[in-house]
Protein backbone atom coordinates (compact mmCIF):
# COMPACT_ATOMS: atom_id res chain seq x y z
CA UNK A 1 5.40 19.14 -19.72
CA UNK A 2 3.15 18.65 -22.52
CA UNK A 3 0.75 15.53 -22.36
CA UNK A 4 0.38 13.66 -25.70
CA UNK A 5 -3.08 13.27 -25.09
CA UNK A 6 -5.88 15.20 -24.01
CA UNK A 7 -8.29 12.96 -21.13
CA UNK A 8 -11.05 14.12 -23.36
CA UNK A 9 -9.05 12.27 -26.30
CA UNK A 10 -8.24 9.11 -24.42
CA UNK A 11 -12.32 9.10 -23.70
CA UNK A 12 -13.48 9.80 -27.08
CA UNK A 13 -11.52 7.44 -28.53
CA UNK A 14 -12.77 4.56 -26.28
CA UNK A 15 -16.68 5.52 -26.41
CA UNK A 16 -16.02 5.58 -30.02
CA UNK A 17 -14.53 1.89 -29.81
CA UNK A 18 -17.06 0.66 -27.41
CA UNK A 19 -19.78 0.71 -30.03
CA UNK A 20 -18.11 -1.94 -31.65
CA UNK A 21 -18.29 -4.45 -28.81
CA UNK A 22 -20.56 -7.08 -28.15
CA UNK A 23 -22.50 -7.73 -25.22
CA UNK A 24 -20.90 -11.04 -24.04
CA UNK A 25 -19.47 -10.91 -20.67
CA UNK A 26 -18.33 -13.16 -17.64
CA UNK A 27 -20.13 -12.06 -14.66
CA UNK A 28 -18.85 -12.15 -11.15
CA UNK A 29 -20.86 -11.29 -7.77
CA UNK A 30 -18.41 -11.45 -4.71
CA UNK A 31 -20.10 -11.61 -0.99
CA UNK A 32 -17.39 -11.89 2.03
CA UNK A 33 -18.06 -11.79 5.61
CA UNK A 34 -14.54 -10.75 7.75
CA UNK A 35 -14.86 -12.89 10.79
CA UNK A 36 -11.87 -12.44 13.35
CA UNK A 37 -8.49 -13.48 10.96
CA UNK A 38 -10.34 -15.13 8.61
CA UNK A 39 -12.66 -13.91 5.56
CA UNK A 40 -15.71 -16.15 4.42
CA UNK A 41 -16.01 -15.53 0.62
CA UNK A 42 -19.08 -16.60 -1.67
CA UNK A 43 -18.66 -16.42 -5.57
CA UNK A 44 -21.59 -16.74 -8.28
CA UNK A 45 -20.36 -16.46 -11.96
CA UNK A 46 -22.21 -16.50 -14.67
CA UNK A 47 -21.96 -16.05 -18.34
CA UNK A 48 -24.08 -13.53 -19.89
CA UNK A 49 -24.54 -13.10 -23.85
CA UNK A 50 -26.92 -11.43 -26.18
CA UNK A 51 -29.26 -14.13 -25.67
CA UNK A 52 -29.27 -14.47 -22.31
CA UNK A 53 -27.06 -16.63 -19.94
CA UNK A 54 -24.59 -18.99 -21.40
CA UNK A 55 -22.14 -21.92 -20.45
CA UNK A 56 -19.55 -20.02 -18.48
CA UNK A 57 -15.97 -21.32 -20.23
CA UNK A 58 -15.30 -24.68 -18.62
CA UNK A 59 -11.73 -23.76 -18.46
CA UNK A 60 -12.11 -20.69 -16.39
CA UNK A 61 -14.82 -22.68 -14.08
CA UNK A 62 -12.27 -25.64 -13.53
CA UNK A 63 -10.03 -22.78 -12.48
CA UNK A 64 -12.03 -21.37 -10.02
CA UNK A 65 -13.88 -24.64 -8.33
CA UNK A 66 -10.16 -25.88 -7.56
CA UNK A 67 -9.16 -22.37 -5.13
CA UNK A 68 -12.85 -23.19 -3.28
CA UNK A 69 -13.60 -25.76 -0.66
CA UNK A 70 -17.23 -26.19 -1.67
CA UNK A 71 -19.42 -26.36 -4.39
CA UNK A 72 -23.06 -24.52 -4.14
CA UNK A 73 -26.00 -25.73 -5.57
CA UNK A 74 -27.70 -22.61 -7.51
CA UNK A 75 -31.08 -22.83 -8.95
CA UNK A 76 -30.41 -21.86 -12.80
CA UNK A 77 -27.93 -24.74 -14.47
CA UNK A 78 -25.56 -21.60 -16.22
CA UNK A 79 -25.05 -19.86 -12.82
CA UNK A 80 -22.53 -21.40 -10.38
CA UNK A 81 -21.12 -20.88 -6.66
CA UNK A 82 -18.60 -21.67 -4.90
CA UNK A 83 -17.70 -20.67 -0.90
CA UNK A 84 -14.49 -21.05 1.13
CA UNK A 85 -12.84 -19.13 3.68
CA UNK A 86 -9.43 -17.54 3.53
CA UNK A 87 -6.36 -15.86 5.47
CA UNK A 88 -4.57 -13.18 4.87
CA UNK A 89 -4.60 -13.75 0.97
CA UNK A 90 -7.97 -13.90 -1.46
CA UNK A 91 -8.15 -16.67 -4.18
CA UNK A 92 -7.27 -16.00 -7.87
CA UNK A 93 -10.53 -16.61 -9.13
CA UNK A 94 -11.63 -13.43 -11.16
CA UNK A 95 -7.90 -12.42 -11.37
CA UNK A 96 -5.81 -10.81 -9.99
CA UNK A 97 -4.80 -9.85 -5.87
CA UNK A 98 -5.54 -9.58 -2.57
CA UNK A 99 -4.95 -9.44 1.40
CA UNK A 100 -6.99 -9.52 4.25
CA UNK A 101 -4.74 -8.45 7.15
CA UNK A 102 -6.20 -8.36 11.19
CA UNK A 103 -4.26 -7.19 13.89
CA UNK A 104 -4.63 -6.65 17.60
CA UNK A 105 -3.47 -4.81 20.34
CA UNK A 106 -5.19 -4.48 24.14
CA UNK A 107 -6.70 -0.87 22.65
CA UNK A 108 -8.37 -2.45 19.95
CA UNK A 109 -8.08 -4.31 16.47
CA UNK A 110 -7.40 -3.39 12.90
CA UNK A 111 -8.64 -5.22 10.01
CA UNK A 112 -7.87 -4.28 6.12
CA UNK A 113 -9.01 -5.78 2.73
CA UNK A 114 -8.04 -4.74 -1.19
CA UNK A 115 -8.07 -6.27 -3.66
CA UNK A 116 -7.30 -5.88 -7.60
CA UNK A 117 -9.19 -7.42 -9.99
CA UNK A 118 -7.16 -8.41 -13.37
CA UNK A 119 -5.41 -5.48 -15.31
CA UNK A 120 -2.49 -5.50 -17.43
CA UNK A 121 0.87 -3.16 -17.45
CA UNK A 122 1.36 -3.59 -21.13
CA UNK A 123 1.29 0.20 -22.92
CA UNK A 124 2.06 2.00 -26.02
CA UNK A 125 4.54 3.82 -27.56
CA UNK A 126 3.82 6.53 -25.62
CA UNK A 127 5.29 5.21 -23.06
CA UNK A 128 8.56 5.04 -24.68
CA UNK A 129 10.42 8.37 -23.20
CA UNK A 130 8.63 7.68 -19.59
CA UNK A 131 10.62 3.51 -19.63
CA UNK A 132 14.10 5.00 -21.31
CA UNK A 133 13.86 6.85 -18.31
CA UNK A 134 13.52 3.96 -15.96
CA UNK A 135 16.00 1.97 -17.68
CA UNK A 136 18.49 5.69 -17.51
CA UNK A 137 17.35 5.45 -13.53
CA UNK A 138 18.10 1.37 -12.88
CA UNK A 139 21.54 2.09 -15.09
CA UNK A 140 22.20 4.92 -12.62
CA UNK A 141 21.56 2.79 -9.80
CA UNK A 142 23.71 -0.08 -11.18
CA UNK A 143 26.62 1.66 -11.30
CA UNK A 144 26.41 2.95 -8.00
CA UNK A 145 26.12 -0.27 -6.45
CA UNK A 146 28.79 -1.70 -8.78
CA UNK A 147 30.83 1.61 -7.75
CA UNK A 148 30.98 0.49 -3.73
CA UNK A 149 30.00 -3.12 -4.02
CA UNK A 150 31.79 -4.61 -7.06
CA UNK A 151 34.36 -6.77 -5.19
CA UNK A 152 31.90 -7.98 -2.53
CA UNK A 153 30.17 -11.56 -2.26
CA UNK A 154 26.81 -11.57 -3.81
CA UNK A 155 27.47 -8.54 -5.73
CA UNK A 156 26.32 -10.65 -9.32
CA UNK A 157 23.19 -11.40 -7.14
CA UNK A 158 22.47 -8.03 -6.38
CA UNK A 159 23.09 -6.37 -9.90
CA UNK A 160 20.88 -9.30 -11.20
CA UNK A 161 18.02 -8.43 -8.78
CA UNK A 162 18.44 -3.91 -10.37
CA UNK A 163 18.73 -5.02 -13.85
CA UNK A 164 16.62 -7.69 -14.07
CA UNK A 165 13.40 -6.97 -11.36
CA UNK A 166 13.62 -3.54 -10.42
CA UNK A 167 14.17 -2.14 -13.84
CA UNK A 168 10.80 -3.91 -14.93
CA UNK A 169 9.33 -2.86 -11.12
CA UNK A 170 10.04 0.59 -11.60
CA UNK A 171 7.87 0.77 -14.84
CA UNK A 172 5.18 -0.61 -13.40
CA UNK A 173 5.11 1.22 -10.97
CA UNK A 174 5.61 4.30 -13.02
CA UNK A 175 1.94 3.18 -14.06
CA UNK A 176 0.80 4.02 -10.77
CA UNK A 177 2.62 7.03 -9.68
CA UNK A 178 1.35 8.79 -13.21
CA UNK A 179 -2.31 7.63 -13.38
CA UNK A 180 -2.46 8.95 -9.45
CA UNK A 181 -1.38 12.33 -10.75
CA UNK A 182 -4.28 12.25 -13.55
CA UNK A 183 -6.95 10.43 -10.58
CA UNK A 184 -6.26 13.48 -8.10
CA UNK A 185 -8.23 16.04 -10.27
CA UNK A 186 -11.34 13.58 -10.10
CA UNK A 187 -11.17 11.85 -6.80
CA UNK A 188 -9.86 13.13 -3.37
CA UNK A 189 -8.73 9.81 -2.15
CA UNK A 190 -6.89 9.12 -5.24
CA UNK A 191 -3.75 9.03 -3.79
CA UNK A 192 -5.12 6.65 -0.82
CA UNK A 193 -5.86 4.40 -3.75
CA UNK A 194 -2.48 4.62 -5.26
CA UNK A 195 -0.65 3.93 -2.27
CA UNK A 196 -2.57 0.56 -1.01
CA UNK A 197 -2.07 -0.39 -4.87
CA UNK A 198 1.77 0.41 -4.78
CA UNK A 199 1.84 -1.09 -1.35
CA UNK A 200 -0.09 -4.31 -3.07
CA UNK A 201 2.11 -4.66 -5.90
CA UNK A 202 5.38 -4.50 -3.65
CA UNK A 203 4.41 -7.12 -1.62
CA UNK A 204 3.12 -9.39 -4.86
CA UNK A 205 6.84 -8.87 -5.66
CA UNK A 206 8.62 -9.47 -3.32
CA UNK A 207 10.06 -6.44 -2.10
CA UNK A 208 8.33 -7.07 1.84
CA UNK A 209 5.28 -9.16 3.44
CA UNK A 210 1.83 -7.81 4.94
CA UNK A 211 3.21 -7.94 8.33
CA UNK A 212 6.08 -6.32 7.88
CA UNK A 213 3.67 -2.83 7.23
CA UNK A 214 4.16 -1.75 10.92
CA UNK A 215 8.11 -2.10 10.93
CA UNK A 216 8.19 0.41 7.99
CA UNK A 217 5.64 2.45 9.28
CA UNK A 218 7.58 2.96 12.18
CA UNK A 219 10.54 3.30 10.81
CA UNK A 220 9.44 6.37 8.76
CA UNK A 221 8.09 7.97 12.25
CA UNK A 222 11.45 7.35 13.83
CA UNK A 223 12.92 9.17 11.00
CA UNK A 224 10.56 12.12 11.65
CA UNK A 225 11.71 12.01 15.27
CA UNK A 226 15.60 12.28 13.75
CA UNK A 227 15.26 13.28 10.26
CA UNK A 228 18.42 11.80 9.81
CA UNK A 229 16.73 9.12 7.82
CA UNK A 230 18.79 6.06 9.64
CA UNK A 231 16.21 3.81 10.23
CA UNK A 232 14.54 3.86 6.16
CA UNK A 233 17.94 2.95 5.30
CA UNK A 234 18.32 0.41 7.83
CA UNK A 235 15.26 -1.15 6.05
CA UNK A 236 16.85 -0.75 2.30
CA UNK A 237 20.17 -2.32 3.87
CA UNK A 238 18.07 -5.27 4.92
CA UNK A 239 16.81 -5.82 1.47
CA UNK A 240 20.01 -5.29 -0.84
CA UNK A 241 21.54 -8.08 1.83
CA UNK A 242 18.50 -9.79 0.95
CA UNK A 243 18.93 -9.87 -2.86
CA UNK A 244 22.93 -9.85 -2.08
CA UNK A 245 22.23 -13.50 -0.48
CA UNK A 246 24.15 -12.59 2.43
CA UNK A 247 21.14 -11.19 4.92
CA UNK A 248 22.47 -14.57 7.35
CA UNK A 249 25.26 -12.41 7.75
CA UNK A 250 24.66 -10.33 11.30
CA UNK A 251 25.74 -7.84 11.28
CA UNK A 252 24.23 -6.89 7.96
CA UNK A 253 27.62 -6.19 5.79
CA UNK A 254 29.80 -2.91 6.34
CA UNK A 255 30.45 -2.33 2.74
CA UNK A 256 26.84 -1.11 2.55
CA UNK A 257 27.55 1.54 5.19
CA UNK A 258 26.98 4.04 2.30
CA UNK A 259 23.73 3.73 2.86
CA UNK A 260 23.89 4.20 6.70
CA UNK A 261 21.58 7.39 6.71
CA UNK A 262 20.16 10.27 4.36
CA UNK A 263 23.55 12.37 4.61
CA UNK A 264 26.28 9.34 3.73
CA UNK A 265 23.57 8.25 1.21
CA UNK A 266 23.48 11.84 -0.79
CA UNK A 267 27.28 12.04 -0.22
CA UNK A 268 28.21 8.31 -1.98
CA UNK A 269 25.62 8.94 -5.04
CA UNK A 270 27.10 12.88 -5.22
CA UNK A 271 30.49 11.06 -5.62
CA UNK A 272 29.41 8.57 -8.00
CA UNK A 273 27.33 10.65 -10.48
CA UNK A 274 30.36 12.79 -10.69
CA UNK A 275 32.51 9.85 -12.49
CA UNK A 276 29.69 9.25 -14.83
CA UNK A 277 30.33 9.55 -18.66
CA UNK A 278 27.17 11.62 -18.43
CA UNK A 279 28.31 14.09 -15.79
CA UNK A 280 31.82 14.80 -17.99
CA UNK A 281 30.43 15.40 -20.87
CA UNK A 282 28.17 18.01 -19.93
CA UNK A 283 31.23 19.39 -18.14
CA UNK A 284 32.73 19.32 -21.43
CA UNK A 285 30.46 21.14 -23.26
CA UNK A 286 30.63 23.74 -20.64
CA UNK A 287 27.42 23.47 -19.15
CA UNK A 288 27.44 24.37 -15.51
CA UNK A 289 26.28 21.26 -13.93
CA UNK A 290 25.33 19.72 -10.17
CA UNK A 291 25.17 15.54 -9.34
CA UNK A 292 21.63 16.17 -8.44
CA UNK A 293 20.79 17.54 -12.09
CA UNK A 294 21.11 14.99 -13.18
CA UNK A 295 18.79 12.93 -11.56
CA UNK A 296 16.09 15.55 -12.22
CA UNK A 297 16.67 15.45 -16.00
CA UNK A 298 15.49 11.35 -15.49
CA UNK A 299 12.38 12.42 -13.41
CA UNK A 300 11.46 15.18 -15.93
CA UNK A 301 11.32 12.38 -19.09
CA UNK A 302 8.45 10.31 -16.58
CA UNK A 303 5.30 10.82 -18.30
CA UNK A 304 1.98 10.48 -17.00
CA UNK A 305 0.18 7.01 -17.84
CA UNK A 306 -3.26 5.31 -18.61
CA UNK A 307 -4.09 1.70 -19.38
CA UNK A 308 -6.70 -0.50 -21.15
CA UNK A 309 -8.51 -3.80 -19.46
CA UNK A 310 -11.43 -5.80 -20.11
CA UNK A 311 -14.50 -6.10 -20.66
CA UNK A 312 -16.35 -8.37 -18.04
CA UNK A 313 -18.31 -7.30 -14.83
CA UNK A 314 -17.80 -7.74 -11.06
CA UNK A 315 -20.12 -6.69 -7.79
CA UNK A 316 -17.89 -6.96 -4.20
CA UNK A 317 -19.84 -7.06 -1.56
CA UNK A 318 -18.45 -7.34 2.48
CA UNK A 319 -19.78 -7.91 5.63
CA UNK A 320 -17.48 -6.19 8.64
CA UNK A 321 -18.71 -5.18 11.57
CA UNK A 322 -17.74 -1.87 11.95
CA UNK A 323 -17.79 1.10 9.53
CA UNK A 324 -14.78 1.37 7.63
CA UNK A 325 -12.76 4.55 7.95
CA UNK A 326 -10.85 4.09 4.53
CA UNK A 327 -12.85 2.66 2.02
CA UNK A 328 -13.71 3.66 -2.11
CA UNK A 329 -17.31 1.26 -1.15
CA UNK A 330 -20.37 2.59 -0.11
CA UNK A 331 -21.19 1.69 3.67
CA UNK A 332 -24.40 0.24 4.56
CA UNK A 333 -25.47 0.99 8.28
CA UNK A 334 -28.49 -1.38 8.34
CA UNK A 335 -26.80 -4.07 6.88
CA UNK A 336 -23.27 -3.29 7.98
CA UNK A 337 -22.03 -4.03 4.83
CA UNK A 338 -19.43 -2.13 2.44
CA UNK A 339 -21.11 -2.59 -1.38
CA UNK A 340 -19.08 -1.95 -4.33
CA UNK A 341 -21.09 -1.82 -7.53
CA UNK A 342 -21.27 -3.73 -10.56
CA UNK A 343 -19.22 -2.09 -12.81
CA UNK A 344 -16.63 -3.20 -15.39
CA UNK A 345 -13.41 -5.17 -14.99
CA UNK A 346 -12.03 -1.96 -16.51
CA UNK A 347 -12.51 -1.31 -20.09
CA UNK A 348 -12.12 2.40 -19.84
CA UNK A 349 -8.09 3.80 -19.61
CA UNK A 350 -8.43 3.90 -16.01
CA UNK A 351 -5.92 1.77 -13.50
CA UNK A 352 -7.32 -1.90 -13.03
CA UNK A 353 -10.38 -2.27 -10.71
CA UNK A 354 -9.29 -2.02 -6.74
CA UNK A 355 -11.23 -1.92 -3.73
CA UNK A 356 -10.58 -1.65 -0.31
CA UNK A 357 -11.63 -0.80 2.86
CA UNK A 358 -10.01 -0.61 6.34
CA UNK A 359 -11.92 -0.88 9.53
CA UNK A 360 -11.34 -0.71 13.49
CA UNK A 361 -12.82 -1.87 16.72
CA UNK A 362 -11.83 -0.57 19.89
CA UNK A 363 -11.91 -2.58 22.95
CA UNK A 364 -14.18 -0.67 25.23
CA UNK A 365 -12.97 -2.26 28.24
CA UNK A 366 -9.79 -1.55 27.90
CA UNK A 367 -9.79 1.78 26.98
CA UNK A 368 -12.43 2.84 29.89
CA UNK A 369 -10.59 1.44 32.44
CA UNK A 370 -7.69 3.18 31.65
CA UNK A 371 -8.55 6.63 30.33
CA UNK A 372 -12.32 6.86 31.35
CA UNK A 373 -13.77 6.69 27.83
CA UNK A 374 -13.12 5.43 24.63
CA UNK A 375 -10.34 7.51 23.46
CA UNK A 376 -9.30 5.91 20.00
CA UNK A 377 -11.41 4.38 17.49
CA UNK A 378 -11.82 4.64 13.61
CA UNK A 379 -8.70 6.18 11.59
CA UNK A 380 -6.93 7.17 14.76
CA UNK A 381 -7.33 3.68 16.84
CA UNK A 382 -6.00 2.20 12.95
CA UNK A 383 -3.04 3.92 12.78
CA UNK A 384 -2.00 3.00 16.57
CA UNK A 385 -2.69 -0.36 16.03
CA UNK A 386 -0.26 -0.28 13.26
CA UNK A 387 2.13 1.90 15.04
CA UNK A 388 1.63 -0.50 18.14
CA UNK A 389 2.35 -3.53 16.01
CA UNK A 390 5.54 -2.28 14.52
CA UNK A 391 7.53 -1.58 18.21
CA UNK A 392 10.49 -3.32 18.77
CA UNK A 393 10.30 -5.57 22.08
CA UNK A 394 11.60 -3.50 24.77
CA UNK A 395 9.76 -0.40 23.03
CA UNK A 396 6.65 -2.23 23.16
CA UNK A 397 7.07 -3.43 26.38
CA UNK A 398 7.89 0.22 28.31
CA UNK A 399 4.86 1.70 26.24
CA UNK A 400 2.53 -1.17 27.54
CA UNK A 401 3.92 -1.12 30.73
CA UNK A 402 2.87 3.29 30.91
CA UNK A 403 -0.21 2.53 29.45
CA UNK A 404 -0.99 -0.21 32.51
CA UNK A 405 -0.30 2.87 34.53
CA UNK A 406 -3.31 5.42 33.22
CA UNK A 407 -6.10 5.88 35.00
CA UNK A 408 -9.10 8.25 34.28
CA UNK A 409 -8.20 11.72 35.97
CA UNK A 410 -7.02 15.49 35.60
CA UNK A 411 -3.07 14.28 35.40
CA UNK A 412 -3.89 12.51 32.52
CA UNK A 413 -2.96 14.58 29.93
CA UNK A 414 -0.04 15.48 31.72
CA UNK A 415 1.36 12.17 32.20
CA UNK A 416 0.91 11.05 28.44
CA UNK A 417 2.59 14.56 27.92
CA UNK A 418 6.02 13.49 30.15
CA UNK A 419 5.91 9.82 28.48
CA UNK A 420 9.30 8.98 26.92
CA UNK A 421 11.20 5.75 25.48
CA UNK A 422 13.78 4.62 27.79
CA UNK A 423 16.56 5.54 24.53
CA UNK A 424 15.37 9.01 23.94
CA UNK A 425 16.99 11.66 25.65
CA UNK A 426 14.88 13.72 28.50
CA UNK A 427 13.80 16.85 27.70
CA UNK A 428 13.74 16.06 24.12
CA UNK A 429 11.19 17.70 22.27
CA UNK A 430 9.87 14.88 19.43
CA UNK A 431 9.33 11.41 20.82
CA UNK A 432 8.32 8.27 18.93
CA UNK A 433 5.43 8.34 21.45
CA UNK A 434 3.86 11.42 19.62
CA UNK A 435 1.67 9.56 17.16
CA UNK A 436 -0.61 7.89 19.45
CA UNK A 437 -0.28 10.76 22.19
CA UNK A 438 -1.62 13.01 19.74
CA UNK A 439 -4.72 11.01 19.16
CA UNK A 440 -5.53 9.47 22.49
CA UNK A 441 -5.22 13.48 24.10
CA UNK A 442 -7.43 14.69 20.93
CA UNK A 443 -10.29 11.83 22.19
CA UNK A 444 -9.62 13.03 25.69
CA UNK A 445 -10.47 16.86 24.41
CA UNK A 446 -13.33 15.63 22.57
CA UNK A 447 -14.86 13.73 26.01
CA UNK A 448 -13.92 17.10 28.05
CA UNK A 449 -15.87 19.13 25.09
CA UNK A 450 -19.41 16.44 24.98
CA UNK A 451 -19.40 16.89 28.76
CA UNK A 452 -19.09 20.60 29.02
CA UNK A 453 -21.82 20.58 26.47
CA UNK A 454 -24.17 18.42 28.54
CA UNK A 455 -23.12 20.29 31.36
CA UNK A 456 -23.94 23.52 29.82
CA UNK A 457 -26.57 23.19 27.06
């Protein structure tokens, strides 16, 4: 599939246009410190024109002042400073959206910060074909839902959600996915950032809350073990029941049983597509067509997207207690600081300015007591904390009791390898515990390697 414009053409056009812009911009300097569950934040803002500092727009300044607990004194009259402490959600000062999350377990703590600065989802005529495909997909989902749920209470509410909210959100998500495809040619971490952008987008739109991320993650892990998709589809059924206004009914309505697992979902969708005019029309034309061909045609029409934004400037610093295992900023060890250099709030055809950092802090006392050393740190600890926080009450109790019984020794790896949750079959090859077990065993192996090197230099 050919792209309408090359990257070079886009950039050439932007360079040409940039020569006509005035050097009058709002500047934002953000300094933060992670302090447990609280994010302490200081903002300095000023307006810089061709002749130096000028008065910052009053309406914007009043908006910012309403977000912070304290206005700080500054040496220059046209420079303004504010400070405050925030939990979970960052203030809407520069514009955009951000989150700060901390999760604590006995193995250690995992923390993360991510924030998008402004950005706009408006696009040009080159997206018409892609948006038409998104509309076709939405119409297909509405028809499929009606085929199964037409007579159910709450269907009209669900239809409204699909037709209004989901239709628009699919188009916005198309921007992220398509741009990620472009960015992967320039950055190894492109899809890591894209996935986090999408997560924040879906949180903003109310598809799930930040605290639901652990449950969603564990559902994916469970489906890797089971291979039938039933845990993920359970989350989908819960979302649909919420949109229908019947979530208070326990269990989730049986009418959503066509989404029980991957097999029933695929079977239902295939059966519905065979009833559509699009499918029958192609049969009449004598084409050899399968239901999946209808979906494939829609996907093929989804095009890559590039978007523009503003000329203002933002600079961000974040003090955190450990070096991030995932970040698009620069780690300055001597200052325990993640720094994102001063940059435009996107004046080029890129996604809106986005910063993120995730780090973890091991509970050294606990890990040494049960494993002889720190076996989980960095990304491995962060992933295991998310895994542990997503477990159900019974699963969490079984895992914690198992870890409590571990002590350093030669049989530690064997004990780890033999653990299974009570709901798992004896002798079952895969286990929900595979995720933390693999990382702990790797930490133990690295310990053995280190000791071996020290004893045999």
